[in-house]
C-alpha atoms as a PDB file:
ATOM      1  CA  MET A   1       3.216-130.469-152.769  1.00  0.00           C
ATOM      2  CA  SER A   2       2.437-127.495-154.991  1.00  0.00           C
ATOM      3  CA  ASP A   3       0.131-127.740-157.994  1.00  0.00           C
ATOM      4  CA  ARG A   4       3.128-127.255-160.277  1.00  0.00           C
ATOM      5  CA  GLU A   5       5.011-130.104-158.605  1.00  0.00           C
ATOM      6  CA  ARG A   6       1.951-132.337-158.888  1.00  0.00           C
ATOM      7  CA  ALA A   7       1.606-131.437-162.585  1.00  0.00           C
ATOM      8  CA  VAL A   8       5.246-132.324-163.210  1.00  0.00           C
ATOM      9  CA  GLN A   9       4.754-135.596-161.344  1.00  0.00           C
ATOM     10  CA  LEU A  10       1.771-136.446-163.536  1.00  0.00           C
ATOM     11  CA  LEU A  11       3.650-135.469-166.707  1.00  0.00           C
ATOM     12  CA  GLU A  12       6.467-137.815-165.799  1.00  0.00           C
ATOM     13  CA  GLN A  13       3.974-140.690-165.775  1.00  0.00           C
ATOM     14  CA  ILE A  14       2.771-140.057-169.333  1.00  0.00           C
ATOM     15  CA  PRO A  15       4.486-142.140-172.021  1.00  0.00           C
ATOM     16  CA  GLU A  16       6.442-140.219-174.651  1.00  0.00           C
ATOM     17  CA  SER A  17       4.112-141.548-177.347  1.00  0.00           C
ATOM     18  CA  LYS A  18       1.218-139.605-175.753  1.00  0.00           C
ATOM     19  CA  MET A  19       3.068-136.364-174.993  1.00  0.00           C
ATOM     20  CA  LEU A  20       1.997-134.728-178.255  1.00  0.00           C
ATOM     21  CA  PHE A  21      -1.612-134.764-176.990  1.00  0.00           C
ATOM     22  CA  VAL A  22      -0.580-133.284-173.648  1.00  0.00           C
ATOM     23  CA  VAL A  23       1.502-130.555-175.269  1.00  0.00           C
ATOM     24  CA  ASP A  24      -1.371-129.625-177.603  1.00  0.00           C
ATOM     25  CA  MET A  25      -3.779-129.513-174.668  1.00  0.00           C
ATOM     26  CA  LEU A  26      -1.442-127.364-172.566  1.00  0.00           C
ATOM     27  CA  ASN A  27      -0.895-124.999-175.474  1.00  0.00           C
ATOM     28  CA  SER A  28      -4.654-124.614-175.913  1.00  0.00           C
ATOM     29  CA  ILE A  29      -5.089-123.896-172.216  1.00  0.00           C
ATOM     30  CA  ARG A  30      -2.236-121.381-172.262  1.00  0.00           C
ATOM     31  CA  ASN A  31      -3.988-119.500-175.064  1.00  0.00           C
ATOM     32  CA  LEU A  32      -7.112-119.236-172.885  1.00  0.00           C
ATOM     33  CA  LEU A  33      -5.176-117.600-170.055  1.00  0.00           C
ATOM     34  CA  ILE A  34      -4.652-114.293-171.842  1.00  0.00           C
ATOM     35  CA  ASP A  35      -5.346-111.480-169.401  1.00  0.00           C
ATOM     36  CA  GLU A  36      -8.439-109.447-170.046  1.00  0.00           C
ATOM     37  CA  VAL A  37      -7.835-105.864-171.045  1.00  0.00           C
ATOM     38  CA  GLU A  38     -10.076-103.065-169.912  1.00  0.00           C
ATOM     39  CA  PRO A  39     -12.193-101.805-172.821  1.00  0.00           C
ATOM     40  CA  ASP A  40     -10.949 -98.599-174.367  1.00  0.00           C
ATOM     41  CA  GLU A  41     -13.048 -95.755-175.767  1.00  0.00           C
ATOM     42  CA  TRP A  42     -13.588 -97.533-179.106  1.00  0.00           C
ATOM     43  CA  ASP A  43     -14.674-100.768-177.375  1.00  0.00           C
ATOM     44  CA  ILE A  44     -17.155 -98.885-175.202  1.00  0.00           C
ATOM     45  CA  ARG A  45     -18.575 -97.060-178.241  1.00  0.00           C
ATOM     46  CA  MET A  46     -18.991-100.383-180.105  1.00  0.00           C
ATOM     47  CA  MET A  47     -20.724-101.979-177.091  1.00  0.00           C
ATOM     48  CA  LYS A  48     -23.139 -99.049-176.850  1.00  0.00           C
ATOM     49  CA  GLU A  49     -23.925 -99.279-180.563  1.00  0.00           C
ATOM     50  CA  ALA A  50     -24.541-103.016-180.231  1.00  0.00           C
ATOM     51  CA  GLU A  51     -26.912-102.427-177.318  1.00  0.00           C
ATOM     52  CA  VAL A  52     -28.907 -99.982-179.440  1.00  0.00           C
ATOM     53  CA  GLU A  53     -29.043-102.388-182.399  1.00  0.00           C
ATOM     54  CA  ASN A  54     -29.814-105.519-180.373  1.00  0.00           C
ATOM     55  CA  ASN A  55     -33.111-105.664-178.547  1.00  0.00           C
ATOM     56  CA  GLY A  56     -32.251-109.027-176.985  1.00  0.00           C
ATOM     57  CA  GLU A  57     -34.384-111.015-179.422  1.00  0.00           C
ATOM     58  CA  THR A  58     -32.883-114.252-180.667  1.00  0.00           C
ATOM     59  CA  ILE A  59     -33.746-116.622-183.477  1.00  0.00           C
ATOM     60  CA  SER A  60     -32.547-120.103-184.313  1.00  0.00           C
ATOM     61  CA  LEU A  61     -30.025-120.767-187.057  1.00  0.00           C
ATOM     62  CA  ASP A  62     -32.776-122.464-189.067  1.00  0.00           C
ATOM     63  CA  GLU A  63     -34.915-119.337-188.845  1.00  0.00           C
ATOM     64  CA  LEU A  64     -31.990-117.114-189.819  1.00  0.00           C
ATOM     65  CA  LEU A  65     -31.195-119.242-192.863  1.00  0.00           C
ATOM     66  CA  LYS A  66     -34.837-119.279-193.935  1.00  0.00           C
ATOM     67  CA  ARG A  67     -35.136-115.501-193.480  1.00  0.00           C
ATOM     68  CA  ASP A  68     -32.056-114.916-195.631  1.00  0.00           C
ATOM     69  CA  GLY A  69     -32.990-117.542-198.229  1.00  0.00           C
ATOM     70  CA  LEU A  70     -30.030-119.782-197.425  1.00  0.00           C
ATOM     71  CA  THR A  71     -29.530-123.460-196.640  1.00  0.00           C
ATOM     72  CA  TYR A  72     -26.933-125.347-194.629  1.00  0.00           C
ATOM     73  CA  ALA A  73     -25.259-126.237-197.942  1.00  0.00           C
ATOM     74  CA  ASP A  74     -24.655-122.519-198.517  1.00  0.00           C
ATOM     75  CA  LEU A  75     -22.548-122.466-195.350  1.00  0.00           C
ATOM     76  CA  GLN A  76     -20.095-125.048-196.670  1.00  0.00           C
ATOM     77  CA  ASP A  77     -16.796-124.008-198.247  1.00  0.00           C
END
């Protein structure tokens, strides 16, 4: 039995009242399956600029907020 046939078999066992969840999940997965595209000249230039600007150092969100004088409340809509 192929994976597709097995998937159909499993779908047939799911009650109609739960299909909305399955459809939403499948749609989310489908959106993740977008083929990667090779970077073009602009992408490569942006990656090189980012490498120059980023020395690999990281800070926590708390540290970033403190450095910029913000609080978590400032991040709310």
